[in-house]
Protein backbone atom coordinates (compact mmCIF):
# COMPACT_ATOMS: atom_id res chain seq x y z
CA MET A 1 -1.73 0.38 14.69
CA THR A 2 -1.11 3.94 13.53
CA MET A 3 -0.05 5.68 10.38
CA ALA A 4 3.51 5.51 11.63
CA ALA A 5 3.33 1.74 11.20
CA LEU A 6 3.80 2.29 7.46
CA TYR A 7 7.19 3.86 8.10
CA VAL A 8 10.19 1.71 9.01
CA PRO A 9 12.98 3.68 10.74
CA ALA A 10 16.46 3.40 9.31
CA ARG A 11 18.39 0.54 10.88
CA SER A 12 21.75 0.97 9.20
CA ARG A 13 23.86 3.35 7.17
CA ARG A 14 22.71 1.53 4.05
CA ALA A 15 19.26 3.10 4.41
CA VAL A 16 19.96 5.58 1.61
CA LEU A 17 16.28 5.84 0.67
CA HIS A 18 15.45 7.40 4.04
CA ARG A 19 17.66 10.37 3.21
CA LEU A 20 16.15 11.02 -0.22
CA PRO A 21 13.27 13.53 -0.59
CA ALA A 22 9.77 12.12 -1.00
CA GLY A 23 9.33 13.77 -4.39
CA ALA A 24 12.40 12.09 -5.85
CA LYS A 25 11.27 8.68 -4.60
CA LEU A 26 7.77 9.06 -6.00
CA LEU A 27 9.14 10.21 -9.36
CA ALA A 28 11.52 7.25 -9.49
CA LEU A 29 8.63 4.92 -8.60
CA LEU A 30 6.48 6.36 -11.40
CA VAL A 31 9.28 6.03 -13.97
CA ALA A 32 10.11 2.47 -12.89
CA VAL A 33 6.51 1.25 -13.02
CA CYS A 34 5.86 2.93 -16.38
CA ALA A 35 9.02 1.37 -17.82
CA LEU A 36 8.02 -2.04 -16.47
CA VAL A 37 4.55 -1.84 -18.00
CA ALA A 38 5.90 -0.49 -21.30
CA ALA A 39 8.43 -3.34 -21.54
CA ALA A 40 5.63 -5.94 -21.27
CA ASP A 41 8.19 -8.74 -21.26
CA THR A 42 7.54 -12.16 -19.74
CA ALA A 43 11.11 -12.54 -18.52
CA VAL A 44 11.61 -8.93 -17.37
CA ALA A 45 8.56 -8.80 -15.09
CA PRO A 46 9.47 -11.68 -12.70
CA ALA A 47 13.12 -10.57 -12.72
CA SER A 48 12.02 -7.05 -11.78
CA ALA A 49 9.93 -8.42 -8.91
CA ALA A 50 12.93 -10.40 -7.61
CA ALA A 51 15.15 -7.32 -7.92
CA ALA A 52 12.59 -5.18 -6.07
CA ALA A 53 12.49 -7.74 -3.26
CA LEU A 54 16.29 -7.74 -3.01
CA LEU A 55 16.32 -3.95 -2.78
CA HIS A 56 14.66 -4.07 0.64
CA PRO A 57 17.59 -5.61 2.55
CA LEU A 58 20.08 -3.78 0.35
CA CYS A 59 18.51 -0.47 1.37
CA GLY A 60 18.61 -1.36 5.05
CA LEU A 61 14.92 -2.21 5.44
CA GLY A 62 15.37 -5.92 6.02
CA VAL A 63 13.28 -8.65 4.48
CA ARG A 64 10.17 -8.30 6.66
CA THR A 65 8.79 -5.37 4.65
CA ALA A 66 9.10 -7.33 1.41
CA LEU A 67 7.62 -10.49 2.92
CA ARG A 68 4.71 -8.56 4.42
CA THR A 69 3.94 -6.99 1.05
CA LEU A 70 4.13 -10.30 -0.80
CA ARG A 71 1.98 -12.05 1.81
CA ALA A 72 -0.76 -9.45 1.45
CA LEU A 73 -0.55 -9.56 -2.33
CA ALA A 74 -0.33 -13.35 -2.69
CA PRO A 75 -4.11 -14.10 -2.95
CA PHE A 76 -4.56 -11.51 -5.69
CA LEU A 77 -1.50 -12.70 -7.61
CA ALA A 78 -2.69 -16.29 -7.34
CA ALA A 79 -6.18 -15.39 -8.60
CA ILE A 80 -4.81 -13.40 -11.54
CA ALA A 81 -2.30 -16.09 -12.47
CA LEU A 82 -4.97 -18.81 -12.27
CA PHE A 83 -7.37 -16.83 -14.46
CA GLN A 84 -4.71 -16.18 -17.10
CA TRP A 85 -3.55 -19.79 -17.00
CA LEU A 86 -7.09 -21.10 -17.46
CA ALA A 87 -7.46 -18.71 -20.37
CA GLY A 88 -4.52 -20.50 -21.97
CA ASP A 89 -1.97 -17.71 -21.69
CA TRP A 90 0.68 -18.68 -19.12
CA GLN A 91 3.00 -15.97 -20.43
CA ALA A 92 0.45 -13.28 -19.59
CA ALA A 93 0.04 -14.85 -16.15
CA ALA A 94 3.78 -14.61 -15.46
CA ARG A 95 4.02 -11.11 -16.92
CA VAL A 96 1.06 -9.56 -15.11
CA SER A 97 1.84 -11.24 -11.79
CA GLY A 98 5.46 -10.15 -12.02
CA GLN A 99 4.51 -6.58 -12.88
CA LEU A 100 2.08 -6.31 -9.98
CA ALA A 101 4.54 -7.84 -7.52
CA ALA A 102 7.35 -5.55 -8.67
CA ALA A 103 5.15 -2.44 -8.50
CA ALA A 104 3.89 -3.33 -5.02
CA LEU A 105 7.39 -4.05 -3.73
CA LEU A 106 8.74 -0.79 -5.13
CA ALA A 107 5.83 1.13 -3.63
CA ALA A 108 6.52 -0.58 -0.29
CA LEU A 109 10.09 0.70 -0.52
CA VAL A 110 8.81 4.25 -0.85
CA THR A 111 6.26 4.06 1.96
CA ALA A 112 8.62 2.24 4.32
CA SER A 113 11.37 4.82 3.82
CA THR A 114 9.20 7.96 3.87
CA ARG A 115 7.51 9.50 6.87
CA VAL A 116 3.80 10.12 6.44
CA SER A 117 4.28 13.81 7.31
CA GLU A 118 6.80 14.17 4.46
CA MET A 119 4.43 12.50 2.03
CA LEU A 120 1.53 14.72 3.06
CA ASP A 121 3.66 17.86 2.78
CA LEU A 122 4.57 16.80 -0.74
CA PHE A 123 0.95 16.19 -1.72
CA GLU A 124 -0.05 19.54 -0.26
CA ARG A 125 2.58 21.30 -2.36
CA LEU A 126 1.50 19.39 -5.47
CA ALA A 127 -2.13 20.37 -4.83
CA ARG A 128 -1.41 24.11 -4.53
CA PRO A 129 -2.05 24.81 -8.25
CA LEU A 130 -5.56 23.41 -7.72
CA ALA A 131 -6.29 26.34 -5.42
CA ARG A 132 -6.97 28.40 -8.55
CA PHE A 133 -9.96 26.18 -9.18
CA GLY A 134 -11.29 26.44 -5.64
CA ALA A 135 -9.61 23.37 -4.12
CA ASN A 136 -8.07 23.57 -0.68
CA PRO A 137 -4.57 21.98 -0.66
CA ARG A 138 -4.80 21.32 3.08
CA ARG A 139 -8.04 19.41 2.64
CA VAL A 140 -6.48 17.39 -0.16
CA ALA A 141 -3.66 16.46 2.22
CA LEU A 142 -6.23 15.64 4.91
CA VAL A 143 -8.09 13.27 2.60
CA LEU A 144 -4.84 11.53 1.76
CA ALA A 145 -3.93 11.35 5.46
CA LEU A 146 -7.26 9.71 6.26
CA THR A 147 -6.83 7.29 3.35
CA ILE A 148 -3.40 6.26 4.57
CA ARG A 149 -4.75 5.95 8.12
CA CYS A 150 -7.45 3.57 6.95
CA ILE A 151 -4.98 1.09 5.42
CA PRO A 152 -3.60 -0.25 8.72
CA LEU A 153 -6.99 0.30 10.38
CA VAL A 154 -8.78 -2.04 7.96
CA ALA A 155 -5.94 -4.55 8.18
CA SER A 156 -6.14 -4.53 11.97
CA ALA A 157 -9.93 -4.92 11.93
CA TRP A 158 -9.71 -7.83 9.50
CA ARG A 159 -7.05 -9.56 11.59
CA ALA A 160 -9.14 -9.18 14.76
CA SER A 161 -12.25 -10.50 12.99
CA ARG A 162 -10.33 -13.46 11.60
CA GLU A 163 -8.91 -14.34 15.02
CA ALA A 164 -12.42 -14.22 16.52
CA TYR A 165 -13.71 -16.36 13.63
CA ILE A 166 -11.08 -19.03 14.28
CA ALA A 167 -11.55 -18.88 18.07
CA ARG A 168 -15.27 -19.61 17.68
CA GLY A 169 -14.54 -22.62 15.50
CA LEU A 170 -16.62 -21.33 12.60
CA ARG A 171 -16.17 -22.90 9.18
CA GLY A 172 -17.62 -22.13 5.78
CA ARG A 173 -19.12 -18.79 6.81
CA PRO A 174 -17.03 -15.94 5.36
CA ASP A 175 -19.81 -13.49 6.18
CA ALA A 176 -18.98 -14.03 9.84
CA MET A 177 -15.66 -12.30 9.16
CA VAL A 178 -16.75 -9.68 6.63
CA VAL A 179 -19.80 -8.28 8.41
CA PRO A 180 -18.02 -7.36 11.69
CA VAL A 181 -15.29 -5.59 9.70
CA ILE A 182 -17.84 -3.55 7.72
CA VAL A 183 -19.80 -2.64 10.85
CA GLY A 184 -16.62 -1.66 12.64
CA MET A 185 -15.49 0.52 9.73
CA LEU A 186 -18.88 2.25 9.60
CA ARG A 187 -18.71 3.01 13.32
CA SER A 188 -15.17 4.33 12.94
CA ALA A 189 -16.30 6.52 10.03
CA ASP A 190 -19.16 7.94 12.14
CA ALA A 191 -16.80 8.66 15.03
CA LEU A 192 -14.30 10.29 12.68
CA GLY A 193 -17.00 12.43 11.09
CA GLU A 194 -18.18 13.61 14.49
CA ALA A 195 -14.60 14.43 15.51
CA LEU A 196 -14.02 16.43 12.33
CA THR A 197 -17.31 18.29 12.73
CA ALA A 198 -16.46 19.12 16.34
CA ARG A 199 -13.23 20.70 15.09
CA GLY A 200 -15.04 22.76 12.47
CA ILE A 201 -13.97 20.66 9.48
CA ASP A 202 -16.85 19.86 7.17
């Protein structure tokens, strides 16, 4: 799985988001999330999450992107909702879970409709003022590129570890899944560091 896996090519003429600049989409995302948090309404949050999910097929991305996002977020939403419910505040559980789901779905819209190269170019431009303080905008973009690269890499490593865990018939030993993922990530980090050093990037 590569960084390109985060981007979903346009499948129809309805894919308006693909034609918008990355800066405009990120600004709209920031405004929408801030407005959602500022509203802090129990009814608005779940409705916003449902609307964000409906935006995926309406924008030509299909439902798979939304379902994939919700599936990855489901354990965290369930844990947060359970904690708030046990604390005796079901309204906070609905509000916080709805806000998180809506924010994640909206962010998925942006990443699925924006090429990684466009996003990195944007971040490099935004980091240019930091050059006055000694920061290198290209290195900032590189750090972001590596961060984005690690998202599908970790997901792929976890999936492979989980499949091996099930194939071996192991039960009740979560460390048997976690440890191989950590070791694999450390080896990947060492290999990446050596590759960057070989190219003169320290």
